[in-house]
Amino acid sequence: MKSHFYTIANNHSRKDRIRLVQGGKEFFQLLLQLIENATATIQLQTYIFENDETGRLVAEALMSAGRRG
């Protein structure tokens, strides 16, 4: 699967950006940064969203972005 992703990413339009993040702390730090810097839309897809410290951080970042408009 991983090699298939890189094949698709390497052939993808240069106007769009794709970054594979394995998960864990790196993923959530990047997610919070992307939410904070969003200017038009935020599309979030996740399999598991826990009501734990990380989930609450993501939820607060999304609510803050919504308040920014």
PDB file of N, CA and C in Angstrom:
ATOM      1  N   MET A   1       0.824  -1.193   0.000  1.00  0.00           N
ATOM      2  CA  MET A   1       0.000   0.000   0.000  1.00  0.00           C
ATOM      3  C   MET A   1       0.869   1.259   0.000  1.00  0.00           C
ATOM      4  N   LYS A   2       1.891   1.266   0.835  1.00  0.00           N
ATOM      5  CA  LYS A   2       2.739   2.445   0.936  1.00  0.00           C
ATOM      6  C   LYS A   2       3.398   2.766  -0.406  1.00  0.00           C
ATOM      7  N   SER A   3       3.918   1.751  -1.093  1.00  0.00           N
ATOM      8  CA  SER A   3       4.555   2.005  -2.386  1.00  0.00           C
ATOM      9  C   SER A   3       3.541   2.491  -3.414  1.00  0.00           C
ATOM     10  N   HIS A   4       2.298   2.000  -3.335  1.00  0.00           N
ATOM     11  CA  HIS A   4       1.232   2.467  -4.228  1.00  0.00           C
ATOM     12  C   HIS A   4       0.962   3.950  -3.987  1.00  0.00           C
ATOM     13  N   PHE A   5       0.946   4.371  -2.731  1.00  0.00           N
ATOM     14  CA  PHE A   5       0.736   5.774  -2.396  1.00  0.00           C
ATOM     15  C   PHE A   5       1.828   6.637  -3.023  1.00  0.00           C
ATOM     16  N   TYR A   6       3.094   6.217  -2.903  1.00  0.00           N
ATOM     17  CA  TYR A   6       4.183   7.009  -3.457  1.00  0.00           C
ATOM     18  C   TYR A   6       4.103   7.091  -4.974  1.00  0.00           C
ATOM     19  N   THR A   7       3.645   6.048  -5.623  1.00  0.00           N
ATOM     20  CA  THR A   7       3.457   6.080  -7.073  1.00  0.00           C
ATOM     21  C   THR A   7       2.430   7.131  -7.442  1.00  0.00           C
ATOM     22  N   ILE A   8       1.314   7.151  -6.735  1.00  0.00           N
ATOM     23  CA  ILE A   8       0.263   8.146  -6.987  1.00  0.00           C
ATOM     24  C   ILE A   8       0.783   9.550  -6.677  1.00  0.00           C
ATOM     25  N   ALA A   9       1.440   9.718  -5.542  1.00  0.00           N
ATOM     26  CA  ALA A   9       1.932  11.035  -5.137  1.00  0.00           C
ATOM     27  C   ALA A   9       2.940  11.587  -6.131  1.00  0.00           C
ATOM     28  N   ASN A  10       3.818  10.754  -6.637  1.00  0.00           N
ATOM     29  CA  ASN A  10       4.831  11.219  -7.586  1.00  0.00           C
ATOM     30  C   ASN A  10       4.233  11.619  -8.929  1.00  0.00           C
ATOM     31  N   ASN A  11       3.075  11.089  -9.287  1.00  0.00           N
ATOM     32  CA  ASN A  11       2.435  11.413 -10.554  1.00  0.00           C
ATOM     33  C   ASN A  11       1.335  12.466 -10.401  1.00  0.00           C
ATOM     34  N   HIS A  12       1.171  12.996  -9.220  1.00  0.00           N
ATOM     35  CA  HIS A  12       0.085  13.930  -8.922  1.00  0.00           C
ATOM     36  C   HIS A  12       0.448  15.331  -9.385  1.00  0.00           C
ATOM     37  N   SER A  13      -0.574  16.139  -9.645  1.00  0.00           N
ATOM     38  CA  SER A  13      -0.406  17.521 -10.072  1.00  0.00           C
ATOM     39  C   SER A  13       0.479  18.290  -9.090  1.00  0.00           C
ATOM     40  N   ARG A  14       1.343  19.124  -9.595  1.00  0.00           N
ATOM     41  CA  ARG A  14       2.227  19.926  -8.744  1.00  0.00           C
ATOM     42  C   ARG A  14       1.468  21.063  -8.042  1.00  0.00           C
ATOM     43  N   LYS A  15       0.239  21.351  -8.467  1.00  0.00           N
ATOM     44  CA  LYS A  15      -0.550  22.396  -7.811  1.00  0.00           C
ATOM     45  C   LYS A  15      -1.032  21.933  -6.445  1.00  0.00           C
ATOM     46  N   ASP A  16      -1.206  20.643  -6.286  1.00  0.00           N
ATOM     47  CA  ASP A  16      -1.666  20.087  -5.027  1.00  0.00           C
ATOM     48  C   ASP A  16      -0.483  19.497  -4.274  1.00  0.00           C
ATOM     49  N   ARG A  17      -0.647  19.391  -2.969  1.00  0.00           N
ATOM     50  CA  ARG A  17       0.423  18.811  -2.170  1.00  0.00           C
ATOM     51  C   ARG A  17      -0.094  17.585  -1.433  1.00  0.00           C
ATOM     52  N   ILE A  18       0.723  16.566  -1.396  1.00  0.00           N
ATOM     53  CA  ILE A  18       0.406  15.343  -0.677  1.00  0.00           C
ATOM     54  C   ILE A  18       1.564  15.059   0.260  1.00  0.00           C
ATOM     55  N   ARG A  19       1.242  14.722   1.498  1.00  0.00           N
ATOM     56  CA  ARG A  19       2.282  14.361   2.458  1.00  0.00           C
ATOM     57  C   ARG A  19       1.798  13.168   3.261  1.00  0.00           C
ATOM     58  N   LEU A  20       2.581  12.110   3.265  1.00  0.00           N
ATOM     59  CA  LEU A  20       2.243  10.924   4.027  1.00  0.00           C
ATOM     60  C   LEU A  20       2.796  11.071   5.432  1.00  0.00           C
ATOM     61  N   VAL A  21       1.914  11.002   6.417  1.00  0.00           N
ATOM     62  CA  VAL A  21       2.304  11.080   7.813  1.00  0.00           C
ATOM     63  C   VAL A  21       1.874   9.769   8.459  1.00  0.00           C
ATOM     64  N   GLN A  22       2.797   9.086   9.077  1.00  0.00           N
ATOM     65  CA  GLN A  22       2.542   7.753   9.605  1.00  0.00           C
ATOM     66  C   GLN A  22       1.571   7.754  10.784  1.00  0.00           C
ATOM     67  N   GLY A  23       1.486   8.806  11.533  1.00  0.00           N
ATOM     68  CA  GLY A  23       0.575   8.856  12.675  1.00  0.00           C
ATOM     69  C   GLY A  23       1.300   9.331  13.919  1.00  0.00           C
ATOM     70  N   GLY A  24       0.614   9.222  15.027  1.00  0.00           N
ATOM     71  CA  GLY A  24       1.211   9.595  16.302  1.00  0.00           C
ATOM     72  C   GLY A  24       1.383  11.087  16.460  1.00  0.00           C
ATOM     73  N   LYS A  25       2.361  11.460  17.266  1.00  0.00           N
ATOM     74  CA  LYS A  25       2.582  12.854  17.618  1.00  0.00           C
ATOM     75  C   LYS A  25       2.814  13.732  16.384  1.00  0.00           C
ATOM     76  N   GLU A  26       3.592  13.229  15.401  1.00  0.00           N
ATOM     77  CA  GLU A  26       3.865  14.013  14.191  1.00  0.00           C
ATOM     78  C   GLU A  26       2.570  14.357  13.463  1.00  0.00           C
ATOM     79  N   PHE A  27       1.648  13.385  13.368  1.00  0.00           N
ATOM     80  CA  PHE A  27       0.376  13.617  12.682  1.00  0.00           C
ATOM     81  C   PHE A  27      -0.430  14.701  13.384  1.00  0.00           C
ATOM     82  N   PHE A  28      -0.575  14.602  14.697  1.00  0.00           N
ATOM     83  CA  PHE A  28      -1.420  15.560  15.399  1.00  0.00           C
ATOM     84  C   PHE A  28      -0.805  16.948  15.444  1.00  0.00           C
ATOM     85  N   GLN A  29       0.518  17.054  15.526  1.00  0.00           N
ATOM     86  CA  GLN A  29       1.153  18.367  15.454  1.00  0.00           C
ATOM     87  C   GLN A  29       0.904  19.005  14.095  1.00  0.00           C
ATOM     88  N   LEU A  30       1.034  18.220  13.022  1.00  0.00           N
ATOM     89  CA  LEU A  30       0.761  18.727  11.678  1.00  0.00           C
ATOM     90  C   LEU A  30      -0.706  19.094  11.520  1.00  0.00           C
ATOM     91  N   LEU A  31      -1.604  18.263  12.024  1.00  0.00           N
ATOM     92  CA  LEU A  31      -3.038  18.531  11.928  1.00  0.00           C
ATOM     93  C   LEU A  31      -3.389  19.855  12.600  1.00  0.00           C
ATOM     94  N   LEU A  32      -2.888  20.074  13.804  1.00  0.00           N
ATOM     95  CA  LEU A  32      -3.167  21.334  14.509  1.00  0.00           C
ATOM     96  C   LEU A  32      -2.601  22.526  13.743  1.00  0.00           C
ATOM     97  N   GLN A  33      -1.415  22.378  13.160  1.00  0.00           N
ATOM     98  CA  GLN A  33      -0.818  23.458  12.372  1.00  0.00           C
ATOM     99  C   GLN A  33      -1.665  23.760  11.137  1.00  0.00           C
ATOM    100  N   LEU A  34      -2.119  22.728  10.446  1.00  0.00           N
ATOM    101  CA  LEU A  34      -2.939  22.927   9.248  1.00  0.00           C
ATOM    102  C   LEU A  34      -4.273  23.589   9.602  1.00  0.00           C
ATOM    103  N   ILE A  35      -4.888  23.187  10.697  1.00  0.00           N
ATOM    104  CA  ILE A  35      -6.146  23.808  11.123  1.00  0.00           C
ATOM    105  C   ILE A  35      -5.917  25.281  11.438  1.00  0.00           C
ATOM    106  N   GLU A  36      -4.849  25.563  12.168  1.00  0.00           N
ATOM    107  CA  GLU A  36      -4.558  26.945  12.551  1.00  0.00           C
ATOM    108  C   GLU A  36      -4.316  27.833  11.339  1.00  0.00           C
ATOM    109  N   ASN A  37      -3.715  27.287  10.296  1.00  0.00           N
ATOM    110  CA  ASN A  37      -3.366  28.080   9.113  1.00  0.00           C
ATOM    111  C   ASN A  37      -4.435  28.067   8.024  1.00  0.00           C
ATOM    112  N   ALA A  38      -5.512  27.333   8.225  1.00  0.00           N
ATOM    113  CA  ALA A  38      -6.563  27.256   7.205  1.00  0.00           C
ATOM    114  C   ALA A  38      -7.209  28.623   7.005  1.00  0.00           C
ATOM    115  N   THR A  39      -7.476  28.953   5.740  1.00  0.00           N
ATOM    116  CA  THR A  39      -8.083  30.250   5.442  1.00  0.00           C
ATOM    117  C   THR A  39      -9.448  30.130   4.775  1.00  0.00           C
ATOM    118  N   ALA A  40      -9.776  28.969   4.232  1.00  0.00           N
ATOM    119  CA  ALA A  40     -11.056  28.850   3.526  1.00  0.00           C
ATOM    120  C   ALA A  40     -11.872  27.663   4.014  1.00  0.00           C
ATOM    121  N   THR A  41     -11.320  26.471   3.974  1.00  0.00           N
ATOM    122  CA  THR A  41     -12.061  25.282   4.381  1.00  0.00           C
ATOM    123  C   THR A  41     -11.158  24.330   5.141  1.00  0.00           C
ATOM    124  N   ILE A  42     -11.792  23.480   5.935  1.00  0.00           N
ATOM    125  CA  ILE A  42     -11.102  22.397   6.629  1.00  0.00           C
ATOM    126  C   ILE A  42     -11.891  21.128   6.368  1.00  0.00           C
ATOM    127  N   GLN A  43     -11.233  20.130   5.839  1.00  0.00           N
ATOM    128  CA  GLN A  43     -11.857  18.832   5.625  1.00  0.00           C
ATOM    129  C   GLN A  43     -11.098  17.829   6.477  1.00  0.00           C
ATOM    130  N   LEU A  44     -11.785  17.223   7.429  1.00  0.00           N
ATOM    131  CA  LEU A  44     -11.136  16.288   8.346  1.00  0.00           C
ATOM    132  C   LEU A  44     -11.816  14.940   8.240  1.00  0.00           C
ATOM    133  N   GLN A  45     -11.032  13.926   7.971  1.00  0.00           N
ATOM    134  CA  GLN A  45     -11.528  12.556   7.951  1.00  0.00           C
ATOM    135  C   GLN A  45     -10.698  11.768   8.940  1.00  0.00           C
ATOM    136  N   THR A  46     -11.372  11.054   9.812  1.00  0.00           N
ATOM    137  CA  THR A  46     -10.659  10.257  10.800  1.00  0.00           C
ATOM    138  C   THR A  46     -11.450   9.004  11.114  1.00  0.00           C
ATOM    139  N   TYR A  47     -10.756   7.958  11.427  1.00  0.00           N
ATOM    140  CA  TYR A  47     -11.411   6.690  11.755  1.00  0.00           C
ATOM    141  C   TYR A  47     -11.832   6.666  13.217  1.00  0.00           C
ATOM    142  N   ILE A  48     -10.964   7.142  14.098  1.00  0.00           N
ATOM    143  CA  ILE A  48     -11.244   7.145  15.528  1.00  0.00           C
ATOM    144  C   ILE A  48     -11.009   8.560  16.050  1.00  0.00           C
ATOM    145  N   PHE A  49     -11.972   9.072  16.782  1.00  0.00           N
ATOM    146  CA  PHE A  49     -11.833  10.387  17.399  1.00  0.00           C
ATOM    147  C   PHE A  49     -12.180  10.215  18.871  1.00  0.00           C
ATOM    148  N   GLU A  50     -11.191  10.190  19.724  1.00  0.00           N
ATOM    149  CA  GLU A  50     -11.378   9.934  21.154  1.00  0.00           C
ATOM    150  C   GLU A  50     -11.593  11.237  21.920  1.00  0.00           C
ATOM    151  N   ASN A  51     -12.306  11.144  23.021  1.00  0.00           N
ATOM    152  CA  ASN A  51     -12.473  12.273  23.930  1.00  0.00           C
ATOM    153  C   ASN A  51     -11.337  12.227  24.948  1.00  0.00           C
ATOM    154  N   ASP A  52     -10.114  12.341  24.435  1.00  0.00           N
ATOM    155  CA  ASP A  52      -8.932  12.365  25.283  1.00  0.00           C
ATOM    156  C   ASP A  52      -8.211  13.691  25.063  1.00  0.00           C
ATOM    157  N   GLU A  53      -7.037  13.834  25.613  1.00  0.00           N
ATOM    158  CA  GLU A  53      -6.315  15.104  25.503  1.00  0.00           C
ATOM    159  C   GLU A  53      -6.099  15.506  24.042  1.00  0.00           C
ATOM    160  N   THR A  54      -5.679  14.560  23.212  1.00  0.00           N
ATOM    161  CA  THR A  54      -5.435  14.861  21.798  1.00  0.00           C
ATOM    162  C   THR A  54      -6.726  15.203  21.079  1.00  0.00           C
ATOM    163  N   GLY A  55      -7.770  14.441  21.308  1.00  0.00           N
ATOM    164  CA  GLY A  55      -9.060  14.715  20.682  1.00  0.00           C
ATOM    165  C   GLY A  55      -9.604  16.078  21.066  1.00  0.00           C
ATOM    166  N   ARG A  56      -9.436  16.433  22.329  1.00  0.00           N
ATOM    167  CA  ARG A  56      -9.910  17.749  22.773  1.00  0.00           C
ATOM    168  C   ARG A  56      -9.086  18.877  22.157  1.00  0.00           C
ATOM    169  N   LEU A  57      -7.772  18.659  21.980  1.00  0.00           N
ATOM    170  CA  LEU A  57      -6.939  19.670  21.316  1.00  0.00           C
ATOM    171  C   LEU A  57      -7.406  19.896  19.881  1.00  0.00           C
ATOM    172  N   VAL A  58      -7.686  18.801  19.164  1.00  0.00           N
ATOM    173  CA  VAL A  58      -8.160  18.914  17.784  1.00  0.00           C
ATOM    174  C   VAL A  58      -9.524  19.591  17.754  1.00  0.00           C
ATOM    175  N   ALA A  59     -10.419  19.208  18.646  1.00  0.00           N
ATOM    176  CA  ALA A  59     -11.751  19.807  18.701  1.00  0.00           C
ATOM    177  C   ALA A  59     -11.663  21.301  18.975  1.00  0.00           C
ATOM    178  N   GLU A  60     -10.815  21.697  19.914  1.00  0.00           N
ATOM    179  CA  GLU A  60     -10.661  23.121  20.230  1.00  0.00           C
ATOM    180  C   GLU A  60     -10.071  23.878  19.048  1.00  0.00           C
ATOM    181  N   ALA A  61      -9.123  23.286  18.346  1.00  0.00           N
ATOM    182  CA  ALA A  61      -8.541  23.943  17.176  1.00  0.00           C
ATOM    183  C   ALA A  61      -9.596  24.135  16.086  1.00  0.00           C
ATOM    184  N   LEU A  62     -10.449  23.122  15.893  1.00  0.00           N
ATOM    185  CA  LEU A  62     -11.520  23.240  14.885  1.00  0.00           C
ATOM    186  C   LEU A  62     -12.522  24.321  15.290  1.00  0.00           C
ATOM    187  N   MET A  63     -12.891  24.377  16.568  1.00  0.00           N
ATOM    188  CA  MET A  63     -13.839  25.404  17.023  1.00  0.00           C
ATOM    189  C   MET A  63     -13.228  26.799  16.885  1.00  0.00           C
ATOM    190  N   SER A  64     -11.943  26.923  17.186  1.00  0.00           N
ATOM    191  CA  SER A  64     -11.259  28.204  17.042  1.00  0.00           C
ATOM    192  C   SER A  64     -11.236  28.642  15.582  1.00  0.00           C
ATOM    193  N   ALA A  65     -10.982  27.703  14.675  1.00  0.00           N
ATOM    194  CA  ALA A  65     -10.988  28.022  13.251  1.00  0.00           C
ATOM    195  C   ALA A  65     -12.385  28.451  12.809  1.00  0.00           C
ATOM    196  N   GLY A  66     -13.407  27.813  13.334  1.00  0.00           N
ATOM    197  CA  GLY A  66     -14.777  28.194  13.011  1.00  0.00           C
ATOM    198  C   GLY A  66     -15.098  29.605  13.477  1.00  0.00           C
ATOM    199  N   ARG A  67     -14.603  29.966  14.629  1.00  0.00           N
ATOM    200  CA  ARG A  67     -14.834  31.329  15.150  1.00  0.00           C
ATOM    201  C   ARG A  67     -14.114  32.373  14.298  1.00  0.00           C
ATOM    202  N   ARG A  68     -12.957  31.977  13.696  1.00  0.00           N
ATOM    203  CA  ARG A  68     -12.235  32.904  12.825  1.00  0.00           C
ATOM    204  C   ARG A  68     -13.030  33.179  11.555  1.00  0.00           C
ATOM    205  N   GLY A  69     -13.849  32.206  11.158  1.00  0.00           N
ATOM    206  CA  GLY A  69     -14.672  32.366   9.967  1.00  0.00           C
ATOM    207  C   GLY A  69     -14.023  31.978   8.744  1.00  0.00           C
TER     208      GLY A  69
END
